[in-house]
Protein backbone atom coordinates (compact mmCIF):
# COMPACT_ATOMS: atom_id res chain seq x y z
CA UNK A 1 8.97 -3.70 86.97
CA UNK A 2 9.33 -5.90 90.08
CA UNK A 3 12.81 -7.38 90.59
CA UNK A 4 11.20 -10.79 91.12
CA UNK A 5 10.33 -10.82 87.42
CA UNK A 6 13.90 -10.71 86.52
CA UNK A 7 14.92 -13.35 89.36
CA UNK A 8 12.18 -15.92 88.14
CA UNK A 9 13.23 -15.42 84.53
CA UNK A 10 16.89 -16.08 85.26
CA UNK A 11 15.74 -19.23 87.15
CA UNK A 12 13.73 -20.25 84.00
CA UNK A 13 16.42 -19.39 81.43
CA UNK A 14 19.51 -20.73 83.22
CA UNK A 15 18.13 -23.70 85.20
CA UNK A 16 15.08 -24.68 83.30
CA UNK A 17 13.08 -24.37 86.69
CA UNK A 18 9.95 -23.34 84.86
CA UNK A 19 8.07 -24.26 81.79
CA UNK A 20 6.43 -20.80 81.67
CA UNK A 21 5.90 -17.43 83.75
CA UNK A 22 2.88 -15.27 83.43
CA UNK A 23 3.39 -11.45 84.33
CA UNK A 24 0.74 -8.93 84.66
CA UNK A 25 0.07 -5.66 86.55
CA UNK A 26 -0.69 -5.31 90.15
CA UNK A 27 -4.22 -4.12 91.33
CA UNK A 28 -3.17 -0.34 90.86
CA UNK A 29 -1.54 -0.84 87.45
CA UNK A 30 1.80 0.64 88.90
CA UNK A 31 3.87 -2.50 88.81
CA UNK A 32 4.63 -5.45 86.58
CA UNK A 33 4.80 -8.70 88.78
CA UNK A 34 4.95 -12.41 88.55
CA UNK A 35 1.33 -13.92 88.62
CA UNK A 36 2.10 -17.52 88.01
CA UNK A 37 5.00 -19.91 87.39
CA UNK A 38 4.76 -23.52 86.29
CA UNK A 39 7.34 -26.27 86.79
CA UNK A 40 9.28 -27.37 83.79
CA UNK A 41 7.29 -30.07 81.94
CA UNK A 42 4.05 -28.29 82.07
CA UNK A 43 2.03 -28.32 78.86
CA UNK A 44 1.38 -25.39 76.36
CA UNK A 45 -2.30 -25.98 77.10
CA UNK A 46 -1.63 -25.24 80.79
CA UNK A 47 0.01 -21.94 79.82
CA UNK A 48 -3.07 -20.92 77.61
CA UNK A 49 -5.27 -21.62 80.53
CA UNK A 50 -3.54 -19.07 82.61
CA UNK A 51 -4.56 -16.25 80.07
CA UNK A 52 -7.85 -14.77 81.23
CA UNK A 53 -10.59 -13.69 78.75
CA UNK A 54 -10.96 -10.18 79.95
CA UNK A 55 -7.46 -9.10 81.08
CA UNK A 56 -4.09 -8.54 79.69
CA UNK A 57 -0.88 -10.52 80.37
CA UNK A 58 2.51 -11.30 79.34
CA UNK A 59 4.25 -14.73 79.41
CA UNK A 60 7.44 -16.32 78.64
CA UNK A 61 7.23 -20.06 77.66
CA UNK A 62 9.50 -22.77 76.61
CA UNK A 63 8.21 -23.88 73.15
CA UNK A 64 9.49 -27.13 71.64
CA UNK A 65 9.46 -27.78 67.93
CA UNK A 66 10.85 -30.25 65.40
CA UNK A 67 13.01 -29.17 62.40
CA UNK A 68 12.57 -30.56 58.92
CA UNK A 69 15.71 -32.58 59.33
CA UNK A 70 14.02 -34.18 62.54
CA UNK A 71 16.22 -32.27 64.93
CA UNK A 72 14.44 -31.15 68.20
CA UNK A 73 14.63 -27.57 69.27
CA UNK A 74 13.37 -25.38 72.39
CA UNK A 75 13.20 -21.64 72.41
CA UNK A 76 11.90 -19.27 74.91
CA UNK A 77 9.01 -17.30 73.53
CA UNK A 78 7.58 -13.84 74.61
CA UNK A 79 3.76 -13.68 74.39
CA UNK A 80 1.66 -10.47 74.92
CA UNK A 81 -1.90 -11.41 75.67
CA UNK A 82 -4.47 -8.43 75.04
CA UNK A 83 -7.94 -9.85 74.33
CA UNK A 84 -10.56 -7.78 72.48
CA UNK A 85 -12.64 -7.98 75.59
CA UNK A 86 -10.08 -6.36 77.90
CA UNK A 87 -10.59 -2.63 79.05
CA UNK A 88 -9.03 -0.12 76.51
CA UNK A 89 -6.85 1.47 79.19
CA UNK A 90 -5.37 -1.83 80.24
CA UNK A 91 -4.63 -2.64 76.64
CA UNK A 92 -2.74 0.50 76.07
CA UNK A 93 -0.81 0.06 79.23
CA UNK A 94 0.07 -3.40 78.32
CA UNK A 95 1.29 -2.41 74.88
CA UNK A 96 3.26 0.49 76.05
CA UNK A 97 5.14 -1.59 78.87
CA UNK A 98 5.93 -4.70 76.56
CA UNK A 99 9.23 -3.18 75.23
CA UNK A 100 10.42 -2.37 78.81
CA UNK A 101 9.43 -5.75 80.23
CA UNK A 102 11.26 -7.44 77.31
CA UNK A 103 14.44 -5.18 77.75
CA UNK A 104 14.40 -5.85 81.57
CA UNK A 105 14.37 -9.63 81.05
CA UNK A 106 16.98 -9.86 78.56
């Protein structure tokens, strides 16, 4: 996992610099890297548009919601994207790398 992944996530978590970060493998499937960042305030639809139909990705995104009592909350959510149309090998690598990526980011 590339050190830039941790640096960008810390910027997101501590300084709210980004609304979301999209991670993916490099071309040789040897390293996880940052593929896209979006400034704080980008929409959830913008995040969804970054998820390709035939490739796997991970993402962390600020998700805003309202409680029943009316209080607004915001949480960072980890997303694993592995569409049915992705290559089997890529889906297997994505699944097996998820825990390592989450552990590294926290």
